[in-house]
């Protein structure tokens, strides 16, 4: 349930914004996630959502993850934006959404 536990904006995130100007999702066949891209100013930010999060919360069926992310784009992007602005990013600056994050 997105937004159940809203995350605070990190003090270092003031003036930053994460937008999603294009649909760029693609399956990450090396792992267990779907990758999509956000943008903060001129910086591209890699975002990923695990297939388990798609299955558990967004109607994924383990086979057609791209349809699940496309059908729930606004909610998924909202989760990614909240995590990014709260500073909850991976060491490489990317955003990973797992089932417990939703």
C-alpha atoms as a PDB file:
ATOM      1  CA  UNK A   1       0.000   0.000   0.000  1.00  0.00           C
ATOM      2  CA  UNK A   2       1.985   3.019  -1.216  1.00  0.00           C
ATOM      3  CA  UNK A   3       2.133   5.882   1.198  1.00  0.00           C
ATOM      4  CA  UNK A   4       1.219   3.871   4.282  1.00  0.00           C
ATOM      5  CA  UNK A   5       4.458   4.936   5.941  1.00  0.00           C
ATOM      6  CA  UNK A   6       5.462   8.173   4.204  1.00  0.00           C
ATOM      7  CA  UNK A   7       9.170   8.801   4.187  1.00  0.00           C
ATOM      8  CA  UNK A   8      10.629  12.146   5.104  1.00  0.00           C
ATOM      9  CA  UNK A   9      12.556  14.204   2.631  1.00  0.00           C
ATOM     10  CA  UNK A  10      16.250  14.110   3.444  1.00  0.00           C
ATOM     11  CA  UNK A  11      17.679  17.565   4.299  1.00  0.00           C
ATOM     12  CA  UNK A  12      20.175  17.109   1.450  1.00  0.00           C
ATOM     13  CA  UNK A  13      17.315  16.530  -0.991  1.00  0.00           C
ATOM     14  CA  UNK A  14      15.878  20.038  -0.788  1.00  0.00           C
ATOM     15  CA  UNK A  15      15.564  21.456  -4.284  1.00  0.00           C
ATOM     16  CA  UNK A  16      15.860  17.997  -5.835  1.00  0.00           C
ATOM     17  CA  UNK A  17      13.120  16.276  -7.738  1.00  0.00           C
ATOM     18  CA  UNK A  18      12.754  12.901  -9.369  1.00  0.00           C
ATOM     19  CA  UNK A  19      10.681  12.878 -12.530  1.00  0.00           C
ATOM     20  CA  UNK A  20       9.947  10.131 -15.010  1.00  0.00           C
ATOM     21  CA  UNK A  21       9.827  11.773 -18.432  1.00  0.00           C
ATOM     22  CA  UNK A  22       9.633   8.620 -20.566  1.00  0.00           C
ATOM     23  CA  UNK A  23       8.580   5.018 -20.213  1.00  0.00           C
ATOM     24  CA  UNK A  24      11.900   3.210 -20.155  1.00  0.00           C
ATOM     25  CA  UNK A  25      11.133   0.004 -18.309  1.00  0.00           C
ATOM     26  CA  UNK A  26      12.827  -3.212 -19.282  1.00  0.00           C
ATOM     27  CA  UNK A  27      13.255  -6.564 -17.628  1.00  0.00           C
ATOM     28  CA  UNK A  28      16.550  -7.178 -15.918  1.00  0.00           C
ATOM     29  CA  UNK A  29      17.138 -10.751 -16.967  1.00  0.00           C
ATOM     30  CA  UNK A  30      20.325 -11.100 -14.918  1.00  0.00           C
ATOM     31  CA  UNK A  31      18.398 -10.434 -11.758  1.00  0.00           C
ATOM     32  CA  UNK A  32      14.891 -10.511 -10.471  1.00  0.00           C
ATOM     33  CA  UNK A  33      13.714  -6.980 -11.218  1.00  0.00           C
ATOM     34  CA  UNK A  34      12.403  -4.532 -13.774  1.00  0.00           C
ATOM     35  CA  UNK A  35      14.535  -1.478 -14.458  1.00  0.00           C
ATOM     36  CA  UNK A  36      13.230   2.016 -15.244  1.00  0.00           C
ATOM     37  CA  UNK A  37      14.805   5.462 -15.256  1.00  0.00           C
ATOM     38  CA  UNK A  38      14.060   8.699 -13.465  1.00  0.00           C
ATOM     39  CA  UNK A  39      15.673  12.079 -13.825  1.00  0.00           C
ATOM     40  CA  UNK A  40      16.863  14.631 -11.242  1.00  0.00           C
ATOM     41  CA  UNK A  41      17.782  17.733 -13.222  1.00  0.00           C
ATOM     42  CA  UNK A  42      20.420  16.560 -15.680  1.00  0.00           C
ATOM     43  CA  UNK A  43      21.152  13.364 -13.734  1.00  0.00           C
ATOM     44  CA  UNK A  44      19.618  10.059 -14.803  1.00  0.00           C
ATOM     45  CA  UNK A  45      18.676   7.815 -11.871  1.00  0.00           C
ATOM     46  CA  UNK A  46      18.355   4.072 -12.366  1.00  0.00           C
ATOM     47  CA  UNK A  47      15.374   2.610 -10.522  1.00  0.00           C
ATOM     48  CA  UNK A  48      14.405  -1.022 -10.148  1.00  0.00           C
ATOM     49  CA  UNK A  49      11.421  -2.831  -8.717  1.00  0.00           C
ATOM     50  CA  UNK A  50      11.708  -6.485  -7.810  1.00  0.00           C
ATOM     51  CA  UNK A  51       9.456  -9.009  -9.434  1.00  0.00           C
ATOM     52  CA  UNK A  52       8.268 -10.067  -5.980  1.00  0.00           C
ATOM     53  CA  UNK A  53       7.086  -6.477  -5.292  1.00  0.00           C
ATOM     54  CA  UNK A  54       5.253  -6.466  -8.626  1.00  0.00           C
ATOM     55  CA  UNK A  55       3.647  -9.824  -7.844  1.00  0.00           C
ATOM     56  CA  UNK A  56       2.790  -8.981  -4.225  1.00  0.00           C
ATOM     57  CA  UNK A  57       1.435  -5.457  -4.687  1.00  0.00           C
ATOM     58  CA  UNK A  58       0.836  -4.594  -8.335  1.00  0.00           C
ATOM     59  CA  UNK A  59      -0.880  -7.587  -9.905  1.00  0.00           C
ATOM     60  CA  UNK A  60       2.218  -9.125 -11.438  1.00  0.00           C
ATOM     61  CA  UNK A  61       1.954 -12.758 -12.348  1.00  0.00           C
ATOM     62  CA  UNK A  62       5.627 -13.681 -12.556  1.00  0.00           C
ATOM     63  CA  UNK A  63       5.471 -13.726 -16.344  1.00  0.00           C
ATOM     64  CA  UNK A  64       4.479 -10.311 -17.694  1.00  0.00           C
ATOM     65  CA  UNK A  65       6.221  -7.853 -15.387  1.00  0.00           C
ATOM     66  CA  UNK A  66       6.300  -5.067 -17.964  1.00  0.00           C
ATOM     67  CA  UNK A  67       2.500  -5.001 -18.146  1.00  0.00           C
ATOM     68  CA  UNK A  68       2.282  -4.831 -14.353  1.00  0.00           C
ATOM     69  CA  UNK A  69       4.680  -1.887 -14.154  1.00  0.00           C
ATOM     70  CA  UNK A  70       2.933  -0.076 -17.025  1.00  0.00           C
ATOM     71  CA  UNK A  71      -0.496  -0.539 -15.415  1.00  0.00           C
ATOM     72  CA  UNK A  72       0.772   0.778 -12.062  1.00  0.00           C
ATOM     73  CA  UNK A  73       3.315   3.322 -13.271  1.00  0.00           C
ATOM     74  CA  UNK A  74       2.104   6.283 -11.174  1.00  0.00           C
ATOM     75  CA  UNK A  75       2.151   4.336  -7.882  1.00  0.00           C
ATOM     76  CA  UNK A  76       5.520   2.702  -8.579  1.00  0.00           C
ATOM     77  CA  UNK A  77       7.107   5.998  -9.591  1.00  0.00           C
ATOM     78  CA  UNK A  78       5.701   7.532  -6.396  1.00  0.00           C
ATOM     79  CA  UNK A  79       7.413   4.880  -4.267  1.00  0.00           C
ATOM     80  CA  UNK A  80      10.692   5.427  -6.147  1.00  0.00           C
ATOM     81  CA  UNK A  81      10.412   9.217  -5.740  1.00  0.00           C
ATOM     82  CA  UNK A  82       9.766   8.975  -1.975  1.00  0.00           C
ATOM     83  CA  UNK A  83      12.732   6.640  -1.478  1.00  0.00           C
ATOM     84  CA  UNK A  84      15.022   8.843  -3.573  1.00  0.00           C
ATOM     85  CA  UNK A  85      14.065  12.084  -1.836  1.00  0.00           C
ATOM     86  CA  UNK A  86      14.413  10.404   1.564  1.00  0.00           C
ATOM     87  CA  UNK A  87      17.972   9.399   0.633  1.00  0.00           C
ATOM     88  CA  UNK A  88      17.131   5.695   0.660  1.00  0.00           C
ATOM     89  CA  UNK A  89      19.284   4.810  -2.333  1.00  0.00           C
ATOM     90  CA  UNK A  90      21.791   2.093  -3.073  1.00  0.00           C
ATOM     91  CA  UNK A  91      25.552   2.751  -2.912  1.00  0.00           C
ATOM     92  CA  UNK A  92      25.589   3.553  -6.628  1.00  0.00           C
ATOM     93  CA  UNK A  93      22.771   6.110  -6.222  1.00  0.00           C
ATOM     94  CA  UNK A  94      20.084   3.903  -7.740  1.00  0.00           C
ATOM     95  CA  UNK A  95      16.694   3.227  -6.189  1.00  0.00           C
ATOM     96  CA  UNK A  96      15.630  -0.355  -5.471  1.00  0.00           C
ATOM     97  CA  UNK A  97      12.024  -1.111  -4.551  1.00  0.00           C
ATOM     98  CA  UNK A  98      11.402  -4.428  -2.868  1.00  0.00           C
ATOM     99  CA  UNK A  99       8.147  -5.880  -1.592  1.00  0.00           C
ATOM    100  CA  UNK A 100       8.607  -4.552   1.954  1.00  0.00           C
ATOM    101  CA  UNK A 101       9.058  -0.994   0.595  1.00  0.00           C
ATOM    102  CA  UNK A 102       5.535  -0.851  -0.787  1.00  0.00           C
END
